[in-house]
C-alpha cells in the first residue's frame, strides 16, 4: 500500500468515526434499535467502517 493510499484511508476512517460519534451523541435512540445512533461509541465504530469502505472505494490513484 502506498503512502498516499494509506493517508487517504486513515483520513476516511477518522472523518467517518468523528461523524458517526457526533450522530450517536446528538441523535440518541431510546429503543436501541438504531445501531448508528444508539451510542456515540457505536456510531464511531460504524462511521469508521463506512469511512474505510469509502476510502477503499477510490482505489489506487497513481499507477505506473
PDB file of N, CA and C in Angstrom:
ATOM      1  N   UNK A   1       0.850  -1.161   0.000  1.00  0.00           N
ATOM      2  CA  UNK A   1       0.000   0.000   0.000  1.00  0.00           C
ATOM      3  C   UNK A   1       0.902   1.232   0.000  1.00  0.00           C
ATOM      4  N   UNK A   2       0.619   2.119  -0.879  1.00  0.00           N
ATOM      5  CA  UNK A   2       1.409   3.349  -0.976  1.00  0.00           C
ATOM      6  C   UNK A   2       1.023   4.333   0.104  1.00  0.00           C
ATOM      7  N   UNK A   3       1.917   5.285   0.325  1.00  0.00           N
ATOM      8  CA  UNK A   3       1.710   6.265   1.381  1.00  0.00           C
ATOM      9  C   UNK A   3       0.458   7.097   1.132  1.00  0.00           C
ATOM     10  N   UNK A   4       0.213   7.484  -0.112  1.00  0.00           N
ATOM     11  CA  UNK A   4      -0.970   8.298  -0.414  1.00  0.00           C
ATOM     12  C   UNK A   4      -2.261   7.515  -0.170  1.00  0.00           C
ATOM     13  N   UNK A   5      -2.252   6.225  -0.479  1.00  0.00           N
ATOM     14  CA  UNK A   5      -3.424   5.401  -0.222  1.00  0.00           C
ATOM     15  C   UNK A   5      -3.672   5.266   1.270  1.00  0.00           C
ATOM     16  N   UNK A   6      -2.602   5.081   2.031  1.00  0.00           N
ATOM     17  CA  UNK A   6      -2.734   4.925   3.468  1.00  0.00           C
ATOM     18  C   UNK A   6      -3.261   6.202   4.115  1.00  0.00           C
ATOM     19  N   UNK A   7      -2.760   7.337   3.677  1.00  0.00           N
ATOM     20  CA  UNK A   7      -3.232   8.614   4.215  1.00  0.00           C
ATOM     21  C   UNK A   7      -4.703   8.822   3.880  1.00  0.00           C
ATOM     22  N   UNK A   8      -5.089   8.526   2.638  1.00  0.00           N
ATOM     23  CA  UNK A   8      -6.484   8.665   2.226  1.00  0.00           C
ATOM     24  C   UNK A   8      -7.388   7.750   3.053  1.00  0.00           C
ATOM     25  N   UNK A   9      -6.927   6.533   3.313  1.00  0.00           N
ATOM     26  CA  UNK A   9      -7.700   5.593   4.100  1.00  0.00           C
ATOM     27  C   UNK A   9      -7.836   6.067   5.541  1.00  0.00           C
ATOM     28  N   UNK A  10      -6.742   6.530   6.141  1.00  0.00           N
ATOM     29  CA  UNK A  10      -6.794   6.994   7.528  1.00  0.00           C
ATOM     30  C   UNK A  10      -7.661   8.241   7.687  1.00  0.00           C
ATOM     31  N   UNK A  11      -7.613   9.122   6.707  1.00  0.00           N
ATOM     32  CA  UNK A  11      -8.474  10.311   6.749  1.00  0.00           C
ATOM     33  C   UNK A  11      -9.943   9.906   6.648  1.00  0.00           C
ATOM     34  N   UNK A  12     -10.244   8.958   5.784  1.00  0.00           N
ATOM     35  CA  UNK A  12     -11.619   8.469   5.657  1.00  0.00           C
ATOM     36  C   UNK A  12     -12.113   7.828   6.936  1.00  0.00           C
ATOM     37  N   UNK A  13     -11.253   7.031   7.582  1.00  0.00           N
ATOM     38  CA  UNK A  13     -11.636   6.387   8.836  1.00  0.00           C
ATOM     39  C   UNK A  13     -11.853   7.432   9.926  1.00  0.00           C
ATOM     40  N   UNK A  14     -10.949   8.398  10.012  1.00  0.00           N
ATOM     41  CA  UNK A  14     -11.066   9.427  11.049  1.00  0.00           C
ATOM     42  C   UNK A  14     -12.326  10.275  10.852  1.00  0.00           C
ATOM     43  N   UNK A  15     -12.579  10.694   9.629  1.00  0.00           N
ATOM     44  CA  UNK A  15     -13.776  11.505   9.356  1.00  0.00           C
ATOM     45  C   UNK A  15     -15.045  10.712   9.648  1.00  0.00           C
ATOM     46  N   UNK A  16     -15.069   9.455   9.229  1.00  0.00           N
ATOM     47  CA  UNK A  16     -16.240   8.617   9.492  1.00  0.00           C
ATOM     48  C   UNK A  16     -16.472   8.398  10.970  1.00  0.00           C
ATOM     49  N   UNK A  17     -15.390   8.187  11.727  1.00  0.00           N
ATOM     50  CA  UNK A  17     -15.528   7.970  13.168  1.00  0.00           C
ATOM     51  C   UNK A  17     -16.041   9.217  13.869  1.00  0.00           C
ATOM     52  N   UNK A  18     -15.533  10.369  13.481  1.00  0.00           N
ATOM     53  CA  UNK A  18     -15.979  11.618  14.107  1.00  0.00           C
ATOM     54  C   UNK A  18     -17.442  11.892  13.770  1.00  0.00           C
ATOM     55  N   UNK A  19     -17.808  11.739  12.514  1.00  0.00           N
ATOM     56  CA  UNK A  19     -19.199  11.987  12.132  1.00  0.00           C
ATOM     57  C   UNK A  19     -20.145  10.977  12.779  1.00  0.00           C
ATOM     58  N   UNK A  20     -19.731   9.716  12.837  1.00  0.00           N
ATOM     59  CA  UNK A  20     -20.559   8.707  13.488  1.00  0.00           C
ATOM     60  C   UNK A  20     -20.728   8.960  14.972  1.00  0.00           C
ATOM     61  N   UNK A  21     -19.648   9.392  15.636  1.00  0.00           N
ATOM     62  CA  UNK A  21     -19.739   9.706  17.061  1.00  0.00           C
ATOM     63  C   UNK A  21     -20.657  10.900  17.303  1.00  0.00           C
ATOM     64  N   UNK A  22     -20.565  11.892  16.434  1.00  0.00           N
ATOM     65  CA  UNK A  22     -21.467  13.048  16.565  1.00  0.00           C
ATOM     66  C   UNK A  22     -22.920  12.647  16.364  1.00  0.00           C
ATOM     67  N   UNK A  23     -23.157  11.792  15.386  1.00  0.00           N
ATOM     68  CA  UNK A  23     -24.524  11.327  15.170  1.00  0.00           C
ATOM     69  C   UNK A  23     -25.018  10.523  16.369  1.00  0.00           C
ATOM     70  N   UNK A  24     -24.130   9.704  16.941  1.00  0.00           N
ATOM     71  CA  UNK A  24     -24.515   8.932  18.120  1.00  0.00           C
ATOM     72  C   UNK A  24     -24.754   9.806  19.329  1.00  0.00           C
ATOM     73  N   UNK A  25     -24.007  10.883  19.449  1.00  0.00           N
ATOM     74  CA  UNK A  25     -24.162  11.784  20.594  1.00  0.00           C
ATOM     75  C   UNK A  25     -25.408  12.655  20.465  1.00  0.00           C
ATOM     76  N   UNK A  26     -25.627  13.191  19.288  1.00  0.00           N
ATOM     77  CA  UNK A  26     -26.740  14.121  19.090  1.00  0.00           C
ATOM     78  C   UNK A  26     -28.063  13.419  18.813  1.00  0.00           C
ATOM     79  N   UNK A  27     -28.029  12.269  18.178  1.00  0.00           N
ATOM     80  CA  UNK A  27     -29.268  11.589  17.788  1.00  0.00           C
ATOM     81  C   UNK A  27     -29.490  10.316  18.562  1.00  0.00           C
ATOM     82  N   UNK A  28     -29.554  10.412  19.864  1.00  0.00           N
ATOM     83  CA  UNK A  28     -29.722   9.214  20.694  1.00  0.00           C
ATOM     84  C   UNK A  28     -31.040   8.527  20.368  1.00  0.00           C
ATOM     85  N   UNK A  29     -30.962   7.214  20.305  1.00  0.00           N
ATOM     86  CA  UNK A  29     -32.135   6.392  20.031  1.00  0.00           C
ATOM     87  C   UNK A  29     -32.542   5.725  21.347  1.00  0.00           C
ATOM     88  N   UNK A  30     -33.725   5.996  21.821  1.00  0.00           N
ATOM     89  CA  UNK A  30     -34.131   5.492  23.138  1.00  0.00           C
ATOM     90  C   UNK A  30     -34.395   3.986  23.138  1.00  0.00           C
ATOM     91  N   UNK A  31     -34.819   3.424  22.017  1.00  0.00           N
ATOM     92  CA  UNK A  31     -35.139   1.998  21.990  1.00  0.00           C
ATOM     93  C   UNK A  31     -33.917   1.124  21.722  1.00  0.00           C
ATOM     94  N   UNK A  32     -32.855   1.688  21.186  1.00  0.00           N
ATOM     95  CA  UNK A  32     -31.656   0.909  20.885  1.00  0.00           C
ATOM     96  C   UNK A  32     -31.738   0.166  19.567  1.00  0.00           C
ATOM     97  N   UNK A  33     -32.780   0.406  18.782  1.00  0.00           N
ATOM     98  CA  UNK A  33     -32.931  -0.303  17.518  1.00  0.00           C
ATOM     99  C   UNK A  33     -32.193   0.364  16.371  1.00  0.00           C
ATOM    100  N   UNK A  34     -31.727   1.575  16.572  1.00  0.00           N
ATOM    101  CA  UNK A  34     -30.963   2.264  15.529  1.00  0.00           C
ATOM    102  C   UNK A  34     -29.479   2.072  15.835  1.00  0.00           C
ATOM    103  N   UNK A  35     -28.801   1.186  15.141  1.00  0.00           N
ATOM    104  CA  UNK A  35     -27.421   0.879  15.517  1.00  0.00           C
ATOM    105  C   UNK A  35     -26.458   2.044  15.332  1.00  0.00           C
ATOM    106  N   UNK A  36     -26.730   2.909  14.404  1.00  0.00           N
ATOM    107  CA  UNK A  36     -25.799   4.003  14.158  1.00  0.00           C
ATOM    108  C   UNK A  36     -25.875   5.076  15.229  1.00  0.00           C
ATOM    109  N   UNK A  37     -27.053   5.340  15.720  1.00  0.00           N
ATOM    110  CA  UNK A  37     -27.205   6.436  16.674  1.00  0.00           C
ATOM    111  C   UNK A  37     -27.535   5.968  18.090  1.00  0.00           C
ATOM    112  N   UNK A  38     -27.322   4.707  18.406  1.00  0.00           N
ATOM    113  CA  UNK A  38     -27.643   4.217  19.746  1.00  0.00           C
ATOM    114  C   UNK A  38     -26.701   4.814  20.790  1.00  0.00           C
ATOM    115  N   UNK A  39     -25.397   4.780  20.541  1.00  0.00           N
ATOM    116  CA  UNK A  39     -24.414   5.367  21.456  1.00  0.00           C
ATOM    117  C   UNK A  39     -23.323   6.036  20.623  1.00  0.00           C
ATOM    118  N   UNK A  40     -22.597   6.972  21.200  1.00  0.00           N
ATOM    119  CA  UNK A  40     -21.500   7.599  20.453  1.00  0.00           C
ATOM    120  C   UNK A  40     -20.414   6.607  20.056  1.00  0.00           C
ATOM    121  N   UNK A  41     -20.116   5.634  20.926  1.00  0.00           N
ATOM    122  CA  UNK A  41     -19.078   4.639  20.595  1.00  0.00           C
ATOM    123  C   UNK A  41     -19.502   3.776  19.415  1.00  0.00           C
ATOM    124  N   UNK A  42     -20.732   3.334  19.412  1.00  0.00           N
ATOM    125  CA  UNK A  42     -21.215   2.502  18.308  1.00  0.00           C
ATOM    126  C   UNK A  42     -21.289   3.313  17.015  1.00  0.00           C
ATOM    127  N   UNK A  43     -21.679   4.572  17.136  1.00  0.00           N
ATOM    128  CA  UNK A  43     -21.689   5.445  15.962  1.00  0.00           C
ATOM    129  C   UNK A  43     -20.298   5.650  15.408  1.00  0.00           C
ATOM    130  N   UNK A  44     -19.304   5.779  16.301  1.00  0.00           N
ATOM    131  CA  UNK A  44     -17.923   5.952  15.848  1.00  0.00           C
ATOM    132  C   UNK A  44     -17.418   4.702  15.140  1.00  0.00           C
ATOM    133  N   UNK A  45     -17.781   3.533  15.640  1.00  0.00           N
ATOM    134  CA  UNK A  45     -17.340   2.282  15.008  1.00  0.00           C
ATOM    135  C   UNK A  45     -17.968   2.138  13.627  1.00  0.00           C
ATOM    136  N   UNK A  46     -19.274   2.340  13.543  1.00  0.00           N
ATOM    137  CA  UNK A  46     -19.943   2.262  12.238  1.00  0.00           C
ATOM    138  C   UNK A  46     -19.411   3.321  11.273  1.00  0.00           C
ATOM    139  N   UNK A  47     -19.187   4.513  11.781  1.00  0.00           N
ATOM    140  CA  UNK A  47     -18.649   5.580  10.938  1.00  0.00           C
ATOM    141  C   UNK A  47     -17.258   5.260  10.434  1.00  0.00           C
ATOM    142  N   UNK A  48     -16.416   4.667  11.285  1.00  0.00           N
ATOM    143  CA  UNK A  48     -15.068   4.289  10.865  1.00  0.00           C
ATOM    144  C   UNK A  48     -15.106   3.209   9.796  1.00  0.00           C
ATOM    145  N   UNK A  49     -16.001   2.253   9.941  1.00  0.00           N
ATOM    146  CA  UNK A  49     -16.128   1.195   8.921  1.00  0.00           C
ATOM    147  C   UNK A  49     -16.600   1.798   7.600  1.00  0.00           C
ATOM    148  N   UNK A  50     -17.583   2.678   7.667  1.00  0.00           N
ATOM    149  CA  UNK A  50     -18.061   3.315   6.443  1.00  0.00           C
ATOM    150  C   UNK A  50     -16.975   4.198   5.816  1.00  0.00           C
ATOM    151  N   UNK A  51     -16.203   4.883   6.646  1.00  0.00           N
ATOM    152  CA  UNK A  51     -15.097   5.693   6.139  1.00  0.00           C
ATOM    153  C   UNK A  51     -14.029   4.833   5.475  1.00  0.00           C
ATOM    154  N   UNK A  52     -13.758   3.656   6.054  1.00  0.00           N
ATOM    155  CA  UNK A  52     -12.783   2.746   5.445  1.00  0.00           C
ATOM    156  C   UNK A  52     -13.284   2.236   4.099  1.00  0.00           C
ATOM    157  N   UNK A  53     -14.553   1.876   4.045  1.00  0.00           N
ATOM    158  CA  UNK A  53     -15.122   1.424   2.767  1.00  0.00           C
ATOM    159  C   UNK A  53     -15.088   2.537   1.726  1.00  0.00           C
ATOM    160  N   UNK A  54     -15.374   3.740   2.158  1.00  0.00           N
ATOM    161  CA  UNK A  54     -15.327   4.884   1.252  1.00  0.00           C
ATOM    162  C   UNK A  54     -13.901   5.131   0.776  1.00  0.00           C
ATOM    163  N   UNK A  55     -12.939   5.019   1.683  1.00  0.00           N
ATOM    164  CA  UNK A  55     -11.535   5.208   1.310  1.00  0.00           C
ATOM    165  C   UNK A  55     -11.037   4.133   0.362  1.00  0.00           C
ATOM    166  N   UNK A  56     -11.465   2.888   0.575  1.00  0.00           N
ATOM    167  CA  UNK A  56     -11.058   1.794  -0.308  1.00  0.00           C
ATOM    168  C   UNK A  56     -11.736   1.868  -1.669  1.00  0.00           C
ATOM    169  N   UNK A  57     -12.888   2.517  -1.743  1.00  0.00           N
ATOM    170  CA  UNK A  57     -13.638   2.539  -2.999  1.00  0.00           C
ATOM    171  C   UNK A  57     -12.950   3.359  -4.086  1.00  0.00           C
ATOM    172  N   UNK A  58     -12.055   4.250  -3.696  1.00  0.00           N
ATOM    173  CA  UNK A  58     -11.371   5.059  -4.693  1.00  0.00           C
ATOM    174  C   UNK A  58     -10.273   4.305  -5.408  1.00  0.00           C
ATOM    175  N   UNK A  59      -9.697   3.308  -4.772  1.00  0.00           N
ATOM    176  CA  UNK A  59      -8.635   2.537  -5.398  1.00  0.00           C
ATOM    177  C   UNK A  59      -7.349   3.327  -5.527  1.00  0.00           C
ATOM    178  N   UNK A  60      -6.349   2.729  -6.139  1.00  0.00           N
ATOM    179  CA  UNK A  60      -5.057   3.414  -6.265  1.00  0.00           C
ATOM    180  C   UNK A  60      -5.143   4.591  -7.232  1.00  0.00           C
ATOM    181  N   UNK A  61      -4.593   5.705  -6.839  1.00  0.00           N
ATOM    182  CA  UNK A  61      -4.644   6.895  -7.658  1.00  0.00           C
ATOM    183  C   UNK A  61      -3.472   6.926  -8.652  1.00  0.00           C
ATOM    184  N   UNK A  62      -2.273   6.670  -8.165  1.00  0.00           N
ATOM    185  CA  UNK A  62      -1.103   6.792  -9.026  1.00  0.00           C
ATOM    186  C   UNK A  62      -0.646   5.407  -9.499  1.00  0.00           C
ATOM    187  N   UNK A  63      -0.819   5.190 -10.764  1.00  0.00           N
ATOM    188  CA  UNK A  63      -0.425   3.911 -11.383  1.00  0.00           C
ATOM    189  C   UNK A  63       0.765   4.162 -12.278  1.00  0.00           C
ATOM    190  N   UNK A  64       1.644   3.192 -12.310  1.00  0.00           N
ATOM    191  CA  UNK A  64       2.832   3.322 -13.162  1.00  0.00           C
ATOM    192  C   UNK A  64       2.741   2.444 -14.368  1.00  0.00           C
TER     193      UNK A  64
END
